[in-house]
Amino acid sequence: MKNTLNYKGFLGSVSFSEEDDVLYGKIECIDDLILYEGGCVSEIKNAFKEAVDDYIEICKQTKKPCIKSFKGSFNVRVTPDVHQKAAMLATMKGISLNQLVQKAIEKELEVA
């Protein structure tokens, strides 16, 4: 994965600020905003791990779930041409457009 960190099942982003000459990021896929930064790769990795550990501890203390819950539905925006082709393919396969999209996502996740 590009520009991401993984630790204890949490995903963190990594970006660079040329203006501040610092690496920074946030813990992704949670309901809170948890930021971290570092001056080099080893510092950003350590800051991310500390942020995750601190977040887990805060969640335990407040009895709050750490990981964001997902409903299983979301909007996908594509071009009208892609929408039409996908709808036609789903019809030819005898499945719904939702099923086609789900299968495509599952196939992509197998590769990851």
N, C-alpha and C. Protein backbone atom coordinates (compact mmCIF):
# COMPACT_ATOMS: atom_id res chain seq x y z
N MET A 1 0.83 -1.19 0.00
CA MET A 1 0.00 0.00 0.00
C MET A 1 0.88 1.25 0.00
N LYS A 2 0.39 2.25 -0.63
CA LYS A 2 1.15 3.48 -0.76
C LYS A 2 0.84 4.44 0.38
N ASN A 3 1.87 4.97 1.00
CA ASN A 3 1.74 6.01 2.02
C ASN A 3 0.85 5.62 3.19
N THR A 4 0.94 4.37 3.62
CA THR A 4 0.16 3.93 4.77
C THR A 4 1.04 3.12 5.72
N LEU A 5 0.60 3.09 6.97
CA LEU A 5 1.25 2.29 8.01
C LEU A 5 0.20 1.35 8.60
N ASN A 6 0.63 0.19 9.06
CA ASN A 6 -0.24 -0.78 9.71
C ASN A 6 0.33 -1.15 11.06
N TYR A 7 -0.56 -1.19 12.08
CA TYR A 7 -0.12 -1.59 13.41
C TYR A 7 -1.35 -1.99 14.21
N LYS A 8 -1.32 -3.19 14.76
CA LYS A 8 -2.41 -3.72 15.58
C LYS A 8 -3.78 -3.61 14.90
N GLY A 9 -3.79 -3.80 13.60
CA GLY A 9 -5.05 -3.76 12.85
C GLY A 9 -5.52 -2.37 12.50
N PHE A 10 -4.73 -1.35 12.80
CA PHE A 10 -5.08 0.03 12.46
C PHE A 10 -4.29 0.48 11.25
N LEU A 11 -4.89 1.34 10.46
CA LEU A 11 -4.26 1.87 9.25
C LEU A 11 -4.00 3.35 9.46
N GLY A 12 -2.81 3.78 9.13
CA GLY A 12 -2.46 5.19 9.27
C GLY A 12 -1.98 5.76 7.96
N SER A 13 -2.34 7.02 7.71
CA SER A 13 -1.87 7.70 6.50
C SER A 13 -0.53 8.37 6.78
N VAL A 14 0.21 8.62 5.72
CA VAL A 14 1.48 9.35 5.82
C VAL A 14 1.54 10.36 4.68
N SER A 15 1.75 11.62 5.04
CA SER A 15 1.89 12.69 4.05
C SER A 15 3.12 13.51 4.42
N PHE A 16 3.57 14.34 3.48
CA PHE A 16 4.73 15.19 3.71
C PHE A 16 4.36 16.64 3.53
N SER A 17 4.75 17.48 4.48
CA SER A 17 4.56 18.92 4.36
C SER A 17 5.91 19.55 4.04
N GLU A 18 6.05 20.03 2.81
CA GLU A 18 7.30 20.67 2.42
C GLU A 18 7.50 21.96 3.20
N GLU A 19 6.41 22.67 3.43
CA GLU A 19 6.46 23.94 4.16
C GLU A 19 7.00 23.76 5.58
N ASP A 20 6.53 22.70 6.26
CA ASP A 20 6.96 22.45 7.64
C ASP A 20 8.10 21.45 7.74
N ASP A 21 8.47 20.83 6.63
CA ASP A 21 9.52 19.82 6.58
C ASP A 21 9.25 18.70 7.59
N VAL A 22 8.03 18.16 7.53
CA VAL A 22 7.62 17.14 8.49
C VAL A 22 6.72 16.11 7.81
N LEU A 23 6.80 14.88 8.27
CA LEU A 23 5.86 13.84 7.87
C LEU A 23 4.71 13.88 8.87
N TYR A 24 3.49 13.68 8.40
CA TYR A 24 2.34 13.71 9.30
C TYR A 24 1.29 12.73 8.80
N GLY A 25 0.36 12.39 9.67
CA GLY A 25 -0.71 11.49 9.27
C GLY A 25 -1.78 11.41 10.31
N LYS A 26 -2.75 10.54 10.04
CA LYS A 26 -3.85 10.31 10.98
C LYS A 26 -4.23 8.84 10.94
N ILE A 27 -4.83 8.38 12.03
CA ILE A 27 -5.35 7.02 12.05
C ILE A 27 -6.63 7.02 11.22
N GLU A 28 -6.70 6.14 10.25
CA GLU A 28 -7.84 6.06 9.33
C GLU A 28 -8.89 5.08 9.84
N CYS A 29 -10.11 5.22 9.35
CA CYS A 29 -11.21 4.28 9.61
C CYS A 29 -11.60 4.20 11.08
N ILE A 30 -11.51 5.31 11.77
CA ILE A 30 -12.01 5.39 13.14
C ILE A 30 -12.94 6.60 13.23
N ASP A 31 -13.72 6.68 14.30
CA ASP A 31 -14.67 7.78 14.44
C ASP A 31 -14.05 9.05 15.03
N ASP A 32 -12.80 9.00 15.41
CA ASP A 32 -12.13 10.13 16.03
C ASP A 32 -11.01 10.65 15.14
N LEU A 33 -10.52 11.84 15.43
CA LEU A 33 -9.39 12.40 14.69
C LEU A 33 -8.14 12.28 15.56
N ILE A 34 -7.26 11.35 15.19
CA ILE A 34 -6.01 11.12 15.91
C ILE A 34 -4.87 11.38 14.93
N LEU A 35 -4.09 12.41 15.22
CA LEU A 35 -3.00 12.83 14.34
C LEU A 35 -1.65 12.48 14.96
N TYR A 36 -0.62 12.41 14.12
CA TYR A 36 0.75 12.15 14.56
C TYR A 36 1.70 12.74 13.54
N GLU A 37 2.95 12.96 13.94
CA GLU A 37 3.94 13.50 13.01
C GLU A 37 5.34 13.08 13.41
N GLY A 38 6.26 13.23 12.47
CA GLY A 38 7.65 12.90 12.72
C GLY A 38 8.54 13.57 11.69
N GLY A 39 9.81 13.72 12.04
CA GLY A 39 10.76 14.37 11.15
C GLY A 39 11.41 13.43 10.15
N CYS A 40 11.28 12.12 10.38
CA CYS A 40 11.87 11.13 9.47
C CYS A 40 11.00 9.86 9.53
N VAL A 41 11.34 8.88 8.72
CA VAL A 41 10.54 7.67 8.61
C VAL A 41 10.43 6.95 9.95
N SER A 42 11.54 6.77 10.64
CA SER A 42 11.47 6.06 11.91
C SER A 42 10.64 6.83 12.93
N GLU A 43 10.70 8.15 12.93
CA GLU A 43 9.90 8.95 13.86
C GLU A 43 8.41 8.86 13.55
N ILE A 44 8.04 8.89 12.28
CA ILE A 44 6.60 8.81 11.94
C ILE A 44 6.06 7.43 12.29
N LYS A 45 6.86 6.39 12.08
CA LYS A 45 6.43 5.03 12.44
C LYS A 45 6.22 4.93 13.95
N ASN A 46 7.15 5.44 14.72
CA ASN A 46 7.02 5.40 16.18
C ASN A 46 5.85 6.26 16.66
N ALA A 47 5.67 7.42 16.05
CA ALA A 47 4.56 8.29 16.45
C ALA A 47 3.22 7.63 16.14
N PHE A 48 3.13 6.94 15.02
CA PHE A 48 1.90 6.22 14.67
C PHE A 48 1.61 5.12 15.69
N LYS A 49 2.62 4.33 16.02
CA LYS A 49 2.44 3.25 17.00
C LYS A 49 2.03 3.81 18.37
N GLU A 50 2.65 4.89 18.80
CA GLU A 50 2.27 5.53 20.06
C GLU A 50 0.83 6.04 20.01
N ALA A 51 0.45 6.63 18.88
CA ALA A 51 -0.92 7.14 18.73
C ALA A 51 -1.93 6.01 18.80
N VAL A 52 -1.63 4.89 18.16
CA VAL A 52 -2.52 3.73 18.20
C VAL A 52 -2.62 3.19 19.62
N ASP A 53 -1.49 3.00 20.28
CA ASP A 53 -1.50 2.49 21.65
C ASP A 53 -2.29 3.42 22.58
N ASP A 54 -2.07 4.73 22.45
CA ASP A 54 -2.81 5.69 23.27
C ASP A 54 -4.31 5.64 22.97
N TYR A 55 -4.64 5.54 21.70
CA TYR A 55 -6.05 5.49 21.30
C TYR A 55 -6.74 4.24 21.86
N ILE A 56 -6.07 3.11 21.77
CA ILE A 56 -6.63 1.87 22.31
C ILE A 56 -6.86 2.02 23.82
N GLU A 57 -5.92 2.61 24.51
CA GLU A 57 -6.06 2.80 25.96
C GLU A 57 -7.22 3.74 26.29
N ILE A 58 -7.36 4.81 25.55
CA ILE A 58 -8.47 5.75 25.77
C ILE A 58 -9.80 5.05 25.52
N CYS A 59 -9.87 4.25 24.48
CA CYS A 59 -11.10 3.52 24.16
C CYS A 59 -11.44 2.54 25.28
N LYS A 60 -10.44 1.87 25.82
CA LYS A 60 -10.67 0.94 26.93
C LYS A 60 -11.21 1.68 28.14
N GLN A 61 -10.60 2.82 28.46
CA GLN A 61 -11.01 3.60 29.62
C GLN A 61 -12.43 4.15 29.49
N THR A 62 -12.80 4.53 28.28
CA THR A 62 -14.12 5.11 28.05
C THR A 62 -15.15 4.08 27.58
N LYS A 63 -14.70 2.81 27.47
CA LYS A 63 -15.56 1.71 27.00
C LYS A 63 -16.19 2.02 25.63
N LYS A 64 -15.37 2.59 24.77
CA LYS A 64 -15.80 2.96 23.42
C LYS A 64 -15.14 2.00 22.42
N PRO A 65 -15.90 1.55 21.40
CA PRO A 65 -15.27 0.70 20.38
C PRO A 65 -14.16 1.47 19.65
N CYS A 66 -13.05 0.79 19.39
CA CYS A 66 -11.92 1.44 18.71
C CYS A 66 -12.14 1.57 17.21
N ILE A 67 -12.65 0.53 16.62
CA ILE A 67 -12.80 0.48 15.16
C ILE A 67 -14.17 0.99 14.77
N LYS A 68 -14.21 1.81 13.75
CA LYS A 68 -15.46 2.36 13.23
C LYS A 68 -16.34 1.23 12.71
N SER A 69 -17.63 1.30 13.00
CA SER A 69 -18.54 0.30 12.44
C SER A 69 -19.00 0.77 11.07
N PHE A 70 -19.12 -0.17 10.17
CA PHE A 70 -19.55 0.13 8.81
C PHE A 70 -20.91 -0.50 8.56
N LYS A 71 -21.78 0.22 7.83
CA LYS A 71 -23.15 -0.24 7.58
C LYS A 71 -23.23 -1.26 6.45
N GLY A 72 -22.26 -1.25 5.57
CA GLY A 72 -22.31 -2.18 4.45
C GLY A 72 -22.92 -1.57 3.20
N SER A 73 -23.19 -0.28 3.24
CA SER A 73 -23.70 0.39 2.04
C SER A 73 -22.97 1.71 1.86
N PHE A 74 -22.70 2.06 0.60
CA PHE A 74 -22.05 3.32 0.29
C PHE A 74 -22.35 3.66 -1.17
N ASN A 75 -22.22 4.94 -1.50
CA ASN A 75 -22.45 5.38 -2.87
C ASN A 75 -21.17 5.24 -3.68
N VAL A 76 -21.30 4.80 -4.90
CA VAL A 76 -20.17 4.71 -5.81
C VAL A 76 -20.48 5.61 -6.99
N ARG A 77 -19.58 6.53 -7.29
CA ARG A 77 -19.78 7.43 -8.41
C ARG A 77 -18.86 7.02 -9.56
N VAL A 78 -19.46 6.76 -10.70
CA VAL A 78 -18.72 6.39 -11.90
C VAL A 78 -19.27 7.21 -13.05
N THR A 79 -18.60 7.14 -14.17
CA THR A 79 -19.11 7.85 -15.35
C THR A 79 -20.38 7.17 -15.85
N PRO A 80 -21.23 7.90 -16.55
CA PRO A 80 -22.44 7.28 -17.10
C PRO A 80 -22.13 6.07 -17.99
N ASP A 81 -21.04 6.13 -18.74
CA ASP A 81 -20.66 5.02 -19.62
C ASP A 81 -20.33 3.77 -18.81
N VAL A 82 -19.56 3.92 -17.74
CA VAL A 82 -19.23 2.78 -16.88
C VAL A 82 -20.48 2.24 -16.21
N HIS A 83 -21.37 3.14 -15.78
CA HIS A 83 -22.63 2.72 -15.15
C HIS A 83 -23.45 1.86 -16.12
N GLN A 84 -23.55 2.34 -17.34
CA GLN A 84 -24.33 1.60 -18.35
C GLN A 84 -23.71 0.23 -18.63
N LYS A 85 -22.41 0.18 -18.82
CA LYS A 85 -21.73 -1.09 -19.11
C LYS A 85 -21.87 -2.06 -17.95
N ALA A 86 -21.75 -1.55 -16.73
CA ALA A 86 -21.87 -2.41 -15.54
C ALA A 86 -23.29 -2.94 -15.41
N ALA A 87 -24.27 -2.10 -15.65
CA ALA A 87 -25.67 -2.54 -15.57
C ALA A 87 -25.97 -3.60 -16.62
N MET A 88 -25.43 -3.42 -17.82
CA MET A 88 -25.65 -4.39 -18.89
C MET A 88 -24.96 -5.71 -18.57
N LEU A 89 -23.74 -5.66 -18.04
CA LEU A 89 -23.02 -6.88 -17.68
C LEU A 89 -23.76 -7.62 -16.56
N ALA A 90 -24.23 -6.89 -15.57
CA ALA A 90 -24.99 -7.51 -14.47
C ALA A 90 -26.23 -8.20 -15.01
N THR A 91 -26.92 -7.56 -15.91
CA THR A 91 -28.12 -8.15 -16.51
C THR A 91 -27.77 -9.41 -17.28
N MET A 92 -26.69 -9.37 -18.06
CA MET A 92 -26.28 -10.55 -18.83
C MET A 92 -25.88 -11.70 -17.91
N LYS A 93 -25.33 -11.39 -16.74
CA LYS A 93 -24.94 -12.42 -15.78
C LYS A 93 -26.10 -12.88 -14.92
N GLY A 94 -27.22 -12.16 -15.00
CA GLY A 94 -28.39 -12.52 -14.22
C GLY A 94 -28.27 -12.16 -12.74
N ILE A 95 -27.50 -11.10 -12.47
CA ILE A 95 -27.33 -10.65 -11.09
C ILE A 95 -27.64 -9.16 -11.01
N SER A 96 -27.76 -8.65 -9.80
CA SER A 96 -28.02 -7.22 -9.63
C SER A 96 -26.73 -6.43 -9.79
N LEU A 97 -26.87 -5.14 -10.01
CA LEU A 97 -25.71 -4.27 -10.10
C LEU A 97 -24.94 -4.28 -8.78
N ASN A 98 -25.65 -4.30 -7.66
CA ASN A 98 -24.99 -4.39 -6.36
C ASN A 98 -24.15 -5.66 -6.25
N GLN A 99 -24.69 -6.78 -6.71
CA GLN A 99 -23.93 -8.04 -6.66
C GLN A 99 -22.68 -7.97 -7.53
N LEU A 100 -22.80 -7.34 -8.69
CA LEU A 100 -21.65 -7.18 -9.59
C LEU A 100 -20.56 -6.36 -8.91
N VAL A 101 -20.95 -5.25 -8.31
CA VAL A 101 -19.98 -4.38 -7.63
C VAL A 101 -19.36 -5.11 -6.45
N GLN A 102 -20.15 -5.83 -5.67
CA GLN A 102 -19.62 -6.57 -4.54
C GLN A 102 -18.60 -7.61 -5.00
N LYS A 103 -18.92 -8.34 -6.06
CA LYS A 103 -17.98 -9.35 -6.57
C LYS A 103 -16.68 -8.70 -7.05
N ALA A 104 -16.80 -7.54 -7.68
CA ALA A 104 -15.61 -6.84 -8.17
C ALA A 104 -14.74 -6.39 -6.99
N ILE A 105 -15.35 -5.88 -5.94
CA ILE A 105 -14.61 -5.47 -4.75
C ILE A 105 -13.96 -6.68 -4.08
N GLU A 106 -14.71 -7.77 -3.94
CA GLU A 106 -14.16 -8.98 -3.32
C GLU A 106 -12.97 -9.50 -4.12
N LYS A 107 -13.05 -9.45 -5.44
CA LYS A 107 -11.95 -9.90 -6.28
C LYS A 107 -10.72 -9.02 -6.07
N GLU A 108 -10.92 -7.72 -5.96
CA GLU A 108 -9.81 -6.80 -5.72
C GLU A 108 -9.19 -7.05 -4.35
N LEU A 109 -10.00 -7.36 -3.36
CA LEU A 109 -9.50 -7.61 -2.01
C LEU A 109 -8.68 -8.89 -1.94
N GLU A 110 -8.99 -9.87 -2.79
CA GLU A 110 -8.22 -11.11 -2.84
C GLU A 110 -6.80 -10.84 -3.33
N VAL A 111 -6.65 -9.88 -4.22
CA VAL A 111 -5.36 -9.54 -4.79
C VAL A 111 -4.52 -8.75 -3.80
N ALA A 112 -5.17 -7.95 -2.96
CA ALA A 112 -4.45 -7.06 -2.03
C ALA A 112 -3.72 -7.81 -0.95
